[in-house]
Amino acid sequence: MRYRTLLMATGILASGLLIGPTAAQAAPQALPTCSLPVPAKLVINSPQSYIYSMKLGGGCPKTVQDTNWWAVRPDGTYNFGIGGPWDSVSIWINKTPIGVTTRWTPEGYGRDSAGHNVARLLPATSMTKCAAAIGLTGVRSGTKTTVYARATYYNTKTKSFTRHHGRVLFQKRDVGSNTWTDLGWAYPNTKTGAASYTITTNRSRDYRVYVPSSSTVWYAYSPTKRV
């Protein structure tokens, strides 16, 4: 009799497990995600570029009124925090460290005006560097073509573009082609500030010049020049 009772109890327990709520039904509803659309590449090219304004990313509920991300340096120290409602978030670019990755780490959840969690905030990363710019000119005489490049970069101390002393890469492209070919690297002249490259050719071509990134300055290409 005791054996029969045990079997009946086991059957009742199994039946309860079968008709109970599933894991999906019991779990709380997942919150929508809210991203911080900070560009991976932050550029300083003028005093006005210190502030970058944006809207929160796709999928972020418009009911969000309170968000907060911390700008975290590679060593784990906190730099500053940003936040705001759904349609108004600003980053002070001049407060982010230059040349290292900044991790934008969310603090808590996105909340509505009543303080309810309505979105899960997603992390982001960015890097800040100064802008570079290059002007390109050229002249063709007989079978010789010489192109000249003057590279500059934005100096945060002087708040203006100043001479770039690094090497630059000259490139050429046949007219009608989409393929660029490297010509060679050159350093700017210490007196004129211009780098130059001469090739032997009897026809017109497209030219451009590239300055690579440094630890504090982004790479840049010049406009295309046909000579």
Protein backbone atom coordinates (compact mmCIF):
# COMPACT_ATOMS: atom_id res chain seq x y z
CA MET A 1 0.00 0.00 0.00
CA ARG A 2 2.84 2.34 0.87
CA TYR A 3 4.43 1.52 -2.53
CA ARG A 4 1.20 2.41 -4.33
CA THR A 5 0.97 5.74 -2.47
CA LEU A 6 4.52 6.62 -3.51
CA LEU A 7 3.72 5.94 -7.15
CA MET A 8 0.62 8.12 -6.99
CA ALA A 9 2.59 10.99 -5.42
CA THR A 10 5.26 10.67 -8.10
CA GLY A 11 2.61 10.80 -10.81
CA ILE A 12 1.10 13.95 -9.33
CA LEU A 13 4.54 15.62 -9.20
CA ALA A 14 5.31 14.68 -12.80
CA SER A 15 1.92 15.94 -13.89
CA GLY A 16 2.57 19.25 -12.16
CA LEU A 17 5.87 19.66 -13.95
CA LEU A 18 4.28 19.02 -17.31
CA ILE A 19 1.47 21.51 -16.95
CA GLY A 20 3.55 24.24 -15.17
CA PRO A 21 4.72 27.44 -16.94
CA THR A 22 7.55 27.12 -19.47
CA ALA A 23 10.87 28.88 -18.95
CA ALA A 24 10.03 31.37 -21.70
CA GLN A 25 6.71 32.23 -20.06
CA ALA A 26 8.25 32.60 -16.62
CA ALA A 27 11.16 34.84 -17.72
CA PRO A 28 10.60 38.62 -17.62
CA GLN A 29 10.12 40.36 -20.94
CA ALA A 30 13.45 41.50 -22.42
CA LEU A 31 13.96 45.26 -22.64
CA PRO A 32 14.73 46.86 -26.01
CA THR A 33 18.34 47.93 -26.48
CA CYS A 34 19.51 51.52 -26.74
CA SER A 35 22.81 52.25 -28.46
CA LEU A 36 25.07 55.27 -28.26
CA PRO A 37 25.89 56.12 -31.90
CA VAL A 38 29.23 57.73 -31.15
CA PRO A 39 31.47 57.54 -34.24
CA ALA A 40 34.40 55.16 -33.89
CA LYS A 41 36.55 57.97 -35.32
CA LEU A 42 36.22 61.31 -33.51
CA VAL A 43 37.97 64.19 -35.30
CA ILE A 44 39.12 67.52 -33.91
CA ASN A 45 39.48 70.03 -36.74
CA SER A 46 38.31 73.31 -35.23
CA PRO A 47 37.41 74.83 -31.85
CA GLN A 48 33.75 74.20 -32.72
CA SER A 49 34.36 70.48 -33.28
CA TYR A 50 34.85 69.97 -29.55
CA ILE A 51 31.16 69.26 -29.09
CA TYR A 52 29.50 66.42 -31.02
CA SER A 53 25.71 66.18 -30.75
CA MET A 54 23.68 63.12 -31.71
CA LYS A 55 20.48 61.21 -31.22
CA LEU A 56 20.37 57.86 -29.51
CA GLY A 57 20.57 54.84 -31.78
CA GLY A 58 17.95 52.77 -33.55
CA GLY A 59 15.68 50.66 -31.37
CA CYS A 60 15.89 53.09 -28.47
CA PRO A 61 12.37 53.84 -27.17
CA LYS A 62 11.30 57.46 -27.46
CA THR A 63 10.08 57.27 -23.88
CA VAL A 64 13.69 57.27 -22.65
CA GLN A 65 14.35 60.41 -20.64
CA ASP A 66 17.38 59.42 -18.56
CA THR A 67 20.56 57.71 -19.82
CA ASN A 68 24.17 57.70 -18.72
CA TRP A 69 27.43 56.43 -20.20
CA TRP A 70 30.90 56.81 -18.69
CA ALA A 71 33.95 57.49 -20.85
CA VAL A 72 36.52 54.99 -19.60
CA ARG A 73 40.22 55.17 -20.43
CA PRO A 74 42.26 52.05 -21.31
CA ASP A 75 43.67 51.97 -17.77
CA GLY A 76 40.14 51.72 -16.38
CA THR A 77 39.91 55.24 -15.00
CA TYR A 78 36.73 57.21 -15.62
CA ASN A 79 37.01 60.38 -17.63
CA PHE A 80 33.52 61.91 -17.62
CA GLY A 81 29.90 60.92 -18.08
CA ILE A 82 27.36 61.81 -20.72
CA GLY A 83 23.63 61.27 -20.96
CA GLY A 84 20.30 62.79 -21.77
CA PRO A 85 16.89 62.11 -23.27
CA TRP A 86 16.24 60.18 -26.47
CA ASP A 87 16.81 63.13 -28.84
CA SER A 88 19.65 65.05 -27.20
CA VAL A 89 23.06 63.63 -26.29
CA SER A 90 26.35 65.57 -26.56
CA ILE A 91 29.98 64.47 -26.34
CA TRP A 92 32.72 66.90 -25.38
CA ILE A 93 35.41 65.59 -27.72
CA ASN A 94 38.13 67.70 -26.11
CA LYS A 95 37.61 65.77 -22.88
CA THR A 96 38.30 62.40 -24.48
CA PRO A 97 41.98 61.33 -24.50
CA ILE A 98 43.73 61.69 -27.86
CA GLY A 99 45.18 58.61 -29.50
CA VAL A 100 43.74 55.92 -27.22
CA THR A 101 40.50 53.96 -27.22
CA THR A 102 37.67 55.36 -25.12
CA ARG A 103 35.12 52.80 -23.92
CA TRP A 104 31.64 54.23 -23.41
CA THR A 105 30.32 52.09 -20.56
CA PRO A 106 26.61 52.36 -19.68
CA GLU A 107 25.54 52.92 -16.11
CA GLY A 108 22.26 51.23 -15.29
CA TYR A 109 19.33 51.32 -17.71
CA GLY A 110 17.54 53.86 -19.86
CA ARG A 111 14.62 55.19 -17.79
CA ASP A 112 11.42 57.00 -18.62
CA SER A 113 10.12 60.14 -16.90
CA ALA A 114 8.69 58.02 -14.07
CA GLY A 115 12.05 56.34 -13.42
CA HIS A 116 11.08 52.96 -14.89
CA ASN A 117 13.66 50.89 -16.77
CA VAL A 118 12.57 50.92 -20.41
CA ALA A 119 15.80 50.10 -22.30
CA ARG A 120 19.08 48.24 -21.89
CA LEU A 121 21.99 50.54 -22.73
CA LEU A 122 24.72 49.17 -25.02
CA PRO A 123 28.43 49.98 -24.76
CA ALA A 124 30.44 51.68 -27.52
CA THR A 125 34.05 52.58 -28.33
CA SER A 126 35.73 55.51 -30.05
CA MET A 127 39.11 57.10 -30.65
CA THR A 128 39.89 60.81 -30.84
CA LYS A 129 42.63 62.29 -33.02
CA CYS A 130 43.31 65.57 -34.77
CA ALA A 131 42.49 66.04 -38.45
CA ALA A 132 45.00 66.17 -41.29
CA ALA A 133 44.57 67.96 -44.61
CA ILE A 134 46.59 67.87 -47.84
CA GLY A 135 46.69 70.20 -50.80
CA LEU A 136 47.96 68.84 -54.13
CA THR A 137 49.23 70.69 -57.19
CA GLY A 138 51.09 69.53 -60.26
CA VAL A 139 52.74 70.57 -63.50
CA ARG A 140 53.53 68.63 -66.69
CA SER A 141 56.33 69.76 -68.97
CA GLY A 142 57.25 67.60 -71.93
CA THR A 143 57.66 64.05 -70.63
CA LYS A 144 58.03 65.08 -67.00
CA THR A 145 55.21 65.44 -64.49
CA THR A 146 55.87 66.77 -61.00
CA VAL A 147 53.27 66.80 -58.25
CA TYR A 148 53.56 68.77 -55.01
CA ALA A 149 51.80 68.12 -51.72
CA ARG A 150 51.49 70.28 -48.63
CA ALA A 151 50.16 68.45 -45.58
CA THR A 152 48.88 70.12 -42.42
CA TYR A 153 47.24 68.97 -39.21
CA TYR A 154 45.04 70.61 -36.61
CA ASN A 155 47.03 71.80 -33.61
CA THR A 156 44.97 71.90 -30.41
CA LYS A 157 47.41 74.33 -28.79
CA THR A 158 47.30 76.96 -31.53
CA LYS A 159 43.72 76.06 -32.56
CA SER A 160 44.75 76.14 -36.20
CA PHE A 161 46.21 73.93 -38.93
CA THR A 162 50.00 73.82 -38.94
CA ARG A 163 52.65 72.18 -41.09
CA HIS A 164 52.77 68.39 -41.04
CA HIS A 165 56.36 67.11 -41.00
CA GLY A 166 55.65 63.43 -41.66
CA ARG A 167 56.15 61.57 -44.92
CA VAL A 168 53.40 61.28 -47.54
CA LEU A 169 52.62 58.71 -50.23
CA PHE A 170 52.05 59.79 -53.83
CA GLN A 171 49.71 57.70 -56.00
CA LYS A 172 48.65 57.74 -59.66
CA ARG A 173 45.71 56.40 -61.65
CA ASP A 174 45.17 56.13 -65.38
CA VAL A 175 42.32 58.20 -66.73
CA GLY A 176 39.16 56.07 -66.75
CA SER A 177 40.57 53.52 -64.30
CA ASN A 178 39.51 52.88 -60.69
CA THR A 179 42.87 51.45 -59.61
CA TRP A 180 45.42 53.53 -57.75
CA THR A 181 49.14 52.68 -57.96
CA ASP A 182 51.74 53.78 -55.43
CA LEU A 183 54.51 56.01 -56.79
CA GLY A 184 56.55 56.45 -53.63
CA TRP A 185 56.99 58.17 -50.29
CA ALA A 186 58.46 61.62 -49.81
CA TYR A 187 59.16 63.99 -46.94
CA PRO A 188 58.28 67.68 -47.08
CA ASN A 189 61.01 70.17 -47.80
CA THR A 190 62.14 71.76 -44.54
CA LYS A 191 62.02 75.25 -46.08
CA THR A 192 58.95 75.17 -48.32
CA GLY A 193 56.93 72.55 -46.43
CA ALA A 194 56.07 70.84 -49.74
CA ALA A 195 56.80 67.22 -50.67
CA SER A 196 57.23 66.44 -54.36
CA TYR A 197 57.45 63.53 -56.76
CA THR A 198 58.45 63.50 -60.43
CA ILE A 199 57.66 60.80 -63.00
CA THR A 200 58.38 60.41 -66.68
CA THR A 201 55.18 60.25 -68.74
CA ASN A 202 53.80 61.72 -71.93
CA ARG A 203 50.12 61.59 -70.99
CA SER A 204 47.68 62.99 -68.48
CA ARG A 205 46.94 61.01 -65.31
CA ASP A 206 45.11 61.39 -62.02
CA TYR A 207 47.16 61.91 -58.87
CA ARG A 208 46.52 61.97 -55.15
CA VAL A 209 48.58 61.89 -51.98
CA TYR A 210 48.07 60.09 -48.70
CA VAL A 211 49.32 60.98 -45.24
CA PRO A 212 49.20 58.10 -42.73
CA SER A 213 47.85 58.25 -39.21
CA SER A 214 50.12 58.98 -36.29
CA SER A 215 49.50 58.51 -32.59
CA THR A 216 47.61 61.81 -32.46
CA VAL A 217 46.57 62.60 -36.07
CA TRP A 218 44.18 60.78 -38.41
CA TYR A 219 45.15 59.73 -41.94
CA ALA A 220 43.95 61.79 -44.90
CA TYR A 221 43.82 61.78 -48.70
CA SER A 222 44.14 64.82 -50.91
CA PRO A 223 41.55 65.62 -53.56
CA THR A 224 42.30 64.00 -56.92
CA LYS A 225 44.32 66.16 -59.28
CA ARG A 226 44.58 65.51 -63.04
CA VAL A 227 47.87 66.66 -64.53
